[in-house]
Amino acid sequence: MGGCDLAFVSRPKSTMAERLLYGRDVAFAPYGEYWCQECRICVLFFRCIREEEVAVLVERVRHPCRGRWVRARC
């Protein structure tokens, strides 16, 4: 887990989130076994959607460049 993930899941509890989401939302859950399992499920469930979005993004970048040289800078 990256440093940003730990900072995200270790934030203070929110009473509003607890009442609104009944304490079962992965976005507001404290870091632990439940959070890890839900995170894995989200990653697997949304993988195909992320792959489709990346393909659309690559096509949008590639389309205007067809047949021309593009000078890329790092």
PDB file of N, CA and C in Angstrom:
ATOM      1  N   MET A   1       0.848  -1.166   0.000  1.00  0.00           N
ATOM      2  CA  MET A   1       0.000   0.000   0.000  1.00  0.00           C
ATOM      3  C   MET A   1       0.893   1.229   0.000  1.00  0.00           C
ATOM      4  N   GLY A   2       0.537   2.201  -0.813  1.00  0.00           N
ATOM      5  CA  GLY A   2       1.311   3.426  -0.901  1.00  0.00           C
ATOM      6  C   GLY A   2       1.057   4.348   0.274  1.00  0.00           C
ATOM      7  N   GLY A   3       1.909   5.366   0.398  1.00  0.00           N
ATOM      8  CA  GLY A   3       1.783   6.328   1.483  1.00  0.00           C
ATOM      9  C   GLY A   3       0.484   7.095   1.433  1.00  0.00           C
ATOM     10  N   CYS A   4       0.017   7.404   0.254  1.00  0.00           N
ATOM     11  CA  CYS A   4      -1.248   8.142   0.122  1.00  0.00           C
ATOM     12  C   CYS A   4      -2.417   7.306   0.613  1.00  0.00           C
ATOM     13  N   ASP A   5      -2.374   6.013   0.366  1.00  0.00           N
ATOM     14  CA  ASP A   5      -3.461   5.143   0.810  1.00  0.00           C
ATOM     15  C   ASP A   5      -3.570   5.139   2.331  1.00  0.00           C
ATOM     16  N   LEU A   6      -2.433   5.039   3.010  1.00  0.00           N
ATOM     17  CA  LEU A   6      -2.458   5.023   4.469  1.00  0.00           C
ATOM     18  C   LEU A   6      -2.956   6.345   5.027  1.00  0.00           C
ATOM     19  N   ALA A   7      -2.558   7.452   4.409  1.00  0.00           N
ATOM     20  CA  ALA A   7      -3.038   8.762   4.859  1.00  0.00           C
ATOM     21  C   ALA A   7      -4.540   8.874   4.644  1.00  0.00           C
ATOM     22  N   PHE A   8      -5.030   8.301   3.565  1.00  0.00           N
ATOM     23  CA  PHE A   8      -6.452   8.382   3.237  1.00  0.00           C
ATOM     24  C   PHE A   8      -7.302   7.589   4.224  1.00  0.00           C
ATOM     25  N   VAL A   9      -6.887   6.379   4.536  1.00  0.00           N
ATOM     26  CA  VAL A   9      -7.709   5.522   5.390  1.00  0.00           C
ATOM     27  C   VAL A   9      -7.526   5.793   6.876  1.00  0.00           C
ATOM     28  N   SER A  10      -6.525   6.569   7.256  1.00  0.00           N
ATOM     29  CA  SER A  10      -6.307   6.827   8.679  1.00  0.00           C
ATOM     30  C   SER A  10      -6.840   8.192   9.111  1.00  0.00           C
ATOM     31  N   ARG A  11      -7.737   8.768   8.336  1.00  0.00           N
ATOM     32  CA  ARG A  11      -8.303  10.064   8.712  1.00  0.00           C
ATOM     33  C   ARG A  11      -9.335   9.870   9.828  1.00  0.00           C
ATOM     34  N   PRO A  12      -9.697  10.955  10.510  1.00  0.00           N
ATOM     35  CA  PRO A  12     -10.665  10.838  11.611  1.00  0.00           C
ATOM     36  C   PRO A  12     -12.033  10.356  11.128  1.00  0.00           C
ATOM     37  N   LYS A  13     -12.773   9.731  12.028  1.00  0.00           N
ATOM     38  CA  LYS A  13     -14.119   9.256  11.698  1.00  0.00           C
ATOM     39  C   LYS A  13     -15.046  10.434  11.438  1.00  0.00           C
ATOM     40  N   SER A  14     -15.988  10.214  10.559  1.00  0.00           N
ATOM     41  CA  SER A  14     -16.978  11.229  10.226  1.00  0.00           C
ATOM     42  C   SER A  14     -18.352  10.744  10.686  1.00  0.00           C
ATOM     43  N   THR A  15     -18.975  11.502  11.566  1.00  0.00           N
ATOM     44  CA  THR A  15     -20.304  11.138  12.053  1.00  0.00           C
ATOM     45  C   THR A  15     -21.316  11.134  10.918  1.00  0.00           C
ATOM     46  N   MET A  16     -21.191  12.111  10.027  1.00  0.00           N
ATOM     47  CA  MET A  16     -22.107  12.195   8.887  1.00  0.00           C
ATOM     48  C   MET A  16     -21.997  10.944   8.014  1.00  0.00           C
ATOM     49  N   ALA A  17     -20.779  10.546   7.697  1.00  0.00           N
ATOM     50  CA  ALA A  17     -20.583   9.359   6.859  1.00  0.00           C
ATOM     51  C   ALA A  17     -21.093   8.110   7.571  1.00  0.00           C
ATOM     52  N   GLU A  18     -20.861   8.042   8.865  1.00  0.00           N
ATOM     53  CA  GLU A  18     -21.322   6.889   9.652  1.00  0.00           C
ATOM     54  C   GLU A  18     -22.848   6.767   9.599  1.00  0.00           C
ATOM     55  N   ARG A  19     -23.537   7.863   9.764  1.00  0.00           N
ATOM     56  CA  ARG A  19     -25.008   7.833   9.765  1.00  0.00           C
ATOM     57  C   ARG A  19     -25.576   7.638   8.362  1.00  0.00           C
ATOM     58  N   LEU A  20     -24.982   8.301   7.401  1.00  0.00           N
ATOM     59  CA  LEU A  20     -25.493   8.242   6.037  1.00  0.00           C
ATOM     60  C   LEU A  20     -25.255   6.882   5.388  1.00  0.00           C
ATOM     61  N   LEU A  21     -24.085   6.296   5.645  1.00  0.00           N
ATOM     62  CA  LEU A  21     -23.694   5.062   4.965  1.00  0.00           C
ATOM     63  C   LEU A  21     -23.708   3.837   5.881  1.00  0.00           C
ATOM     64  N   TYR A  22     -24.209   3.986   7.094  1.00  0.00           N
ATOM     65  CA  TYR A  22     -24.336   2.893   8.058  1.00  0.00           C
ATOM     66  C   TYR A  22     -22.999   2.234   8.390  1.00  0.00           C
ATOM     67  N   GLY A  23     -21.916   2.980   8.235  1.00  0.00           N
ATOM     68  CA  GLY A  23     -20.597   2.463   8.598  1.00  0.00           C
ATOM     69  C   GLY A  23     -20.078   1.355   7.713  1.00  0.00           C
ATOM     70  N   ARG A  24     -20.642   1.161   6.542  1.00  0.00           N
ATOM     71  CA  ARG A  24     -20.237   0.051   5.678  1.00  0.00           C
ATOM     72  C   ARG A  24     -19.683   0.508   4.340  1.00  0.00           C
ATOM     73  N   ASP A  25     -19.255   1.743   4.241  1.00  0.00           N
ATOM     74  CA  ASP A  25     -18.727   2.248   2.982  1.00  0.00           C
ATOM     75  C   ASP A  25     -17.209   2.149   2.982  1.00  0.00           C
ATOM     76  N   VAL A  26     -16.622   1.696   1.903  1.00  0.00           N
ATOM     77  CA  VAL A  26     -15.175   1.523   1.830  1.00  0.00           C
ATOM     78  C   VAL A  26     -14.449   2.868   1.854  1.00  0.00           C
ATOM     79  N   ALA A  27     -15.068   3.908   1.349  1.00  0.00           N
ATOM     80  CA  ALA A  27     -14.412   5.217   1.307  1.00  0.00           C
ATOM     81  C   ALA A  27     -14.196   5.799   2.698  1.00  0.00           C
ATOM     82  N   PHE A  28     -15.043   5.466   3.652  1.00  0.00           N
ATOM     83  CA  PHE A  28     -14.926   6.011   4.999  1.00  0.00           C
ATOM     84  C   PHE A  28     -14.558   4.957   6.035  1.00  0.00           C
ATOM     85  N   ALA A  29     -14.300   3.745   5.603  1.00  0.00           N
ATOM     86  CA  ALA A  29     -13.964   2.675   6.538  1.00  0.00           C
ATOM     87  C   ALA A  29     -12.547   2.853   7.064  1.00  0.00           C
ATOM     88  N   PRO A  30     -12.323   2.526   8.336  1.00  0.00           N
ATOM     89  CA  PRO A  30     -10.959   2.577   8.866  1.00  0.00           C
ATOM     90  C   PRO A  30     -10.129   1.451   8.253  1.00  0.00           C
ATOM     91  N   TYR A  31      -8.821   1.658   8.220  1.00  0.00           N
ATOM     92  CA  TYR A  31      -7.936   0.648   7.652  1.00  0.00           C
ATOM     93  C   TYR A  31      -8.005  -0.617   8.498  1.00  0.00           C
ATOM     94  N   GLY A  32      -8.203  -1.725   7.828  1.00  0.00           N
ATOM     95  CA  GLY A  32      -8.282  -3.013   8.510  1.00  0.00           C
ATOM     96  C   GLY A  32      -8.671  -4.085   7.506  1.00  0.00           C
ATOM     97  N   GLU A  33      -9.079  -5.227   8.015  1.00  0.00           N
ATOM     98  CA  GLU A  33      -9.424  -6.362   7.158  1.00  0.00           C
ATOM     99  C   GLU A  33     -10.588  -6.034   6.222  1.00  0.00           C
ATOM    100  N   TYR A  34     -11.633  -5.374   6.762  1.00  0.00           N
ATOM    101  CA  TYR A  34     -12.790  -5.014   5.930  1.00  0.00           C
ATOM    102  C   TYR A  34     -12.366  -4.100   4.793  1.00  0.00           C
ATOM    103  N   TRP A  35     -11.570  -3.073   5.108  1.00  0.00           N
ATOM    104  CA  TRP A  35     -11.138  -2.118   4.088  1.00  0.00           C
ATOM    105  C   TRP A  35     -10.312  -2.819   3.009  1.00  0.00           C
ATOM    106  N   CYS A  36      -9.406  -3.692   3.415  1.00  0.00           N
ATOM    107  CA  CYS A  36      -8.557  -4.406   2.445  1.00  0.00           C
ATOM    108  C   CYS A  36      -9.395  -5.288   1.517  1.00  0.00           C
ATOM    109  N   GLN A  37     -10.365  -5.994   2.064  1.00  0.00           N
ATOM    110  CA  GLN A  37     -11.219  -6.849   1.235  1.00  0.00           C
ATOM    111  C   GLN A  37     -12.055  -6.022   0.267  1.00  0.00           C
ATOM    112  N   GLU A  38     -12.644  -4.942   0.750  1.00  0.00           N
ATOM    113  CA  GLU A  38     -13.457  -4.087  -0.114  1.00  0.00           C
ATOM    114  C   GLU A  38     -12.612  -3.428  -1.197  1.00  0.00           C
ATOM    115  N   CYS A  39     -11.414  -3.034  -0.852  1.00  0.00           N
ATOM    116  CA  CYS A  39     -10.517  -2.423  -1.834  1.00  0.00           C
ATOM    117  C   CYS A  39     -10.186  -3.422  -2.947  1.00  0.00           C
ATOM    118  N   ARG A  40      -9.899  -4.663  -2.575  1.00  0.00           N
ATOM    119  CA  ARG A  40      -9.625  -5.699  -3.582  1.00  0.00           C
ATOM    120  C   ARG A  40     -10.823  -5.909  -4.504  1.00  0.00           C
ATOM    121  N   ILE A  41     -12.009  -5.949  -3.925  1.00  0.00           N
ATOM    122  CA  ILE A  41     -13.224  -6.130  -4.731  1.00  0.00           C
ATOM    123  C   ILE A  41     -13.393  -4.976  -5.705  1.00  0.00           C
ATOM    124  N   CYS A  42     -13.190  -3.756  -5.225  1.00  0.00           N
ATOM    125  CA  CYS A  42     -13.326  -2.575  -6.096  1.00  0.00           C
ATOM    126  C   CYS A  42     -12.312  -2.609  -7.233  1.00  0.00           C
ATOM    127  N   VAL A  43     -11.085  -2.973  -6.921  1.00  0.00           N
ATOM    128  CA  VAL A  43     -10.044  -3.029  -7.950  1.00  0.00           C
ATOM    129  C   VAL A  43     -10.416  -4.054  -9.015  1.00  0.00           C
ATOM    130  N   LEU A  44     -10.866  -5.224  -8.606  1.00  0.00           N
ATOM    131  CA  LEU A  44     -11.238  -6.259  -9.570  1.00  0.00           C
ATOM    132  C   LEU A  44     -12.488  -5.882 -10.356  1.00  0.00           C
ATOM    133  N   PHE A  45     -13.479  -5.318  -9.681  1.00  0.00           N
ATOM    134  CA  PHE A  45     -14.743  -4.977 -10.322  1.00  0.00           C
ATOM    135  C   PHE A  45     -14.566  -3.873 -11.359  1.00  0.00           C
ATOM    136  N   PHE A  46     -13.766  -2.872 -11.033  1.00  0.00           N
ATOM    137  CA  PHE A  46     -13.614  -1.722 -11.919  1.00  0.00           C
ATOM    138  C   PHE A  46     -12.453  -1.855 -12.900  1.00  0.00           C
ATOM    139  N   ARG A  47     -11.767  -2.984 -12.908  1.00  0.00           N
ATOM    140  CA  ARG A  47     -10.616  -3.154 -13.797  1.00  0.00           C
ATOM    141  C   ARG A  47     -10.988  -3.000 -15.268  1.00  0.00           C
ATOM    142  N   CYS A  48     -12.048  -3.663 -15.705  1.00  0.00           N
ATOM    143  CA  CYS A  48     -12.425  -3.592 -17.120  1.00  0.00           C
ATOM    144  C   CYS A  48     -12.849  -2.171 -17.498  1.00  0.00           C
ATOM    145  N   ILE A  49     -13.486  -1.467 -16.584  1.00  0.00           N
ATOM    146  CA  ILE A  49     -13.877  -0.084 -16.861  1.00  0.00           C
ATOM    147  C   ILE A  49     -12.641   0.794 -17.007  1.00  0.00           C
ATOM    148  N   ARG A  50     -11.660   0.611 -16.130  1.00  0.00           N
ATOM    149  CA  ARG A  50     -10.416   1.388 -16.230  1.00  0.00           C
ATOM    150  C   ARG A  50      -9.693   1.084 -17.532  1.00  0.00           C
ATOM    151  N   GLU A  51      -9.663  -0.189 -17.922  1.00  0.00           N
ATOM    152  CA  GLU A  51      -8.997  -0.557 -19.171  1.00  0.00           C
ATOM    153  C   GLU A  51      -9.682   0.081 -20.372  1.00  0.00           C
ATOM    154  N   GLU A  52     -11.008   0.112 -20.373  1.00  0.00           N
ATOM    155  CA  GLU A  52     -11.744   0.763 -21.467  1.00  0.00           C
ATOM    156  C   GLU A  52     -11.441   2.257 -21.515  1.00  0.00           C
ATOM    157  N   GLU A  53     -11.412   2.903 -20.369  1.00  0.00           N
ATOM    158  CA  GLU A  53     -11.136   4.339 -20.315  1.00  0.00           C
ATOM    159  C   GLU A  53      -9.717   4.652 -20.781  1.00  0.00           C
ATOM    160  N   VAL A  54      -8.761   3.804 -20.436  1.00  0.00           N
ATOM    161  CA  VAL A  54      -7.384   4.000 -20.901  1.00  0.00           C
ATOM    162  C   VAL A  54      -7.315   3.845 -22.413  1.00  0.00           C
ATOM    163  N   ALA A  55      -8.016   2.869 -22.961  1.00  0.00           N
ATOM    164  CA  ALA A  55      -8.029   2.676 -24.414  1.00  0.00           C
ATOM    165  C   ALA A  55      -8.630   3.888 -25.123  1.00  0.00           C
ATOM    166  N   VAL A  56      -9.699   4.452 -24.566  1.00  0.00           N
ATOM    167  CA  VAL A  56     -10.311   5.654 -25.151  1.00  0.00           C
ATOM    168  C   VAL A  56      -9.333   6.821 -25.088  1.00  0.00           C
ATOM    169  N   LEU A  57      -8.656   6.989 -23.971  1.00  0.00           N
ATOM    170  CA  LEU A  57      -7.684   8.073 -23.819  1.00  0.00           C
ATOM    171  C   LEU A  57      -6.536   7.936 -24.808  1.00  0.00           C
ATOM    172  N   VAL A  58      -6.001   6.739 -24.948  1.00  0.00           N
ATOM    173  CA  VAL A  58      -4.904   6.509 -25.889  1.00  0.00           C
ATOM    174  C   VAL A  58      -5.359   6.809 -27.314  1.00  0.00           C
ATOM    175  N   GLU A  59      -6.554   6.404 -27.663  1.00  0.00           N
ATOM    176  CA  GLU A  59      -7.073   6.670 -29.012  1.00  0.00           C
ATOM    177  C   GLU A  59      -7.257   8.165 -29.242  1.00  0.00           C
ATOM    178  N   ARG A  60      -7.717   8.882 -28.236  1.00  0.00           N
ATOM    179  CA  ARG A  60      -7.880  10.338 -28.372  1.00  0.00           C
ATOM    180  C   ARG A  60      -6.546  11.041 -28.564  1.00  0.00           C
ATOM    181  N   VAL A  61      -5.523  10.540 -27.935  1.00  0.00           N
ATOM    182  CA  VAL A  61      -4.185  11.121 -28.095  1.00  0.00           C
ATOM    183  C   VAL A  61      -3.598  10.721 -29.438  1.00  0.00           C
ATOM    184  N   ARG A  62      -3.812   9.483 -29.837  1.00  0.00           N
ATOM    185  CA  ARG A  62      -3.218   8.972 -31.067  1.00  0.00           C
ATOM    186  C   ARG A  62      -3.909   9.495 -32.322  1.00  0.00           C
ATOM    187  N   HIS A  63      -5.203   9.679 -32.284  1.00  0.00           N
ATOM    188  CA  HIS A  63      -5.975  10.057 -33.469  1.00  0.00           C
ATOM    189  C   HIS A  63      -5.479  11.341 -34.149  1.00  0.00           C
ATOM    190  N   PRO A  64      -5.272  12.448 -33.452  1.00  0.00           N
ATOM    191  CA  PRO A  64      -4.815  13.668 -34.132  1.00  0.00           C
ATOM    192  C   PRO A  64      -3.404  13.548 -34.709  1.00  0.00           C
ATOM    193  N   CYS A  65      -2.659  12.538 -34.299  1.00  0.00           N
ATOM    194  CA  CYS A  65      -1.263  12.409 -34.707  1.00  0.00           C
ATOM    195  C   CYS A  65      -1.060  11.455 -35.879  1.00  0.00           C
ATOM    196  N   ARG A  66      -2.086  10.884 -36.428  1.00  0.00           N
ATOM    197  CA  ARG A  66      -1.928   9.885 -37.487  1.00  0.00           C
ATOM    198  C   ARG A  66      -1.262  10.486 -38.711  1.00  0.00           C
ATOM    199  N   GLY A  67      -0.250   9.792 -39.179  1.00  0.00           N
ATOM    200  CA  GLY A  67       0.437  10.198 -40.396  1.00  0.00           C
ATOM    201  C   GLY A  67       1.419  11.344 -40.210  1.00  0.00           C
ATOM    202  N   ARG A  68       1.595  11.821 -39.000  1.00  0.00           N
ATOM    203  CA  ARG A  68       2.531  12.917 -38.760  1.00  0.00           C
ATOM    204  C   ARG A  68       3.503  12.522 -37.660  1.00  0.00           C
ATOM    205  N   TRP A  69       4.673  13.108 -37.740  1.00  0.00           N
ATOM    206  CA  TRP A  69       5.648  12.922 -36.683  1.00  0.00           C
ATOM    207  C   TRP A  69       5.292  13.858 -35.542  1.00  0.00           C
ATOM    208  N   VAL A  70       5.403  13.357 -34.361  1.00  0.00           N
ATOM    209  CA  VAL A  70       5.119  14.168 -33.179  1.00  0.00           C
ATOM    210  C   VAL A  70       6.370  14.206 -32.325  1.00  0.00           C
ATOM    211  N   ARG A  71       6.737  15.406 -31.942  1.00  0.00           N
ATOM    212  CA  ARG A  71       7.911  15.559 -31.093  1.00  0.00           C
ATOM    213  C   ARG A  71       7.453  15.516 -29.632  1.00  0.00           C
ATOM    214  N   ALA A  72       7.836  14.469 -28.956  1.00  0.00           N
ATOM    215  CA  ALA A  72       7.434  14.308 -27.559  1.00  0.00           C
ATOM    216  C   ALA A  72       8.576  14.726 -26.642  1.00  0.00           C
ATOM    217  N   ARG A  73       8.215  15.414 -25.588  1.00  0.00           N
ATOM    218  CA  ARG A  73       9.213  15.832 -24.598  1.00  0.00           C
ATOM    219  C   ARG A  73       8.856  15.224 -23.252  1.00  0.00           C
ATOM    220  N   CYS A  74       9.883  14.939 -22.512  1.00  0.00           N
ATOM    221  CA  CYS A  74       9.676  14.389 -21.154  1.00  0.00           C
ATOM    222  C   CYS A  74       9.708  15.485 -20.129  1.00  0.00           C
TER     223      CYS A  74
END
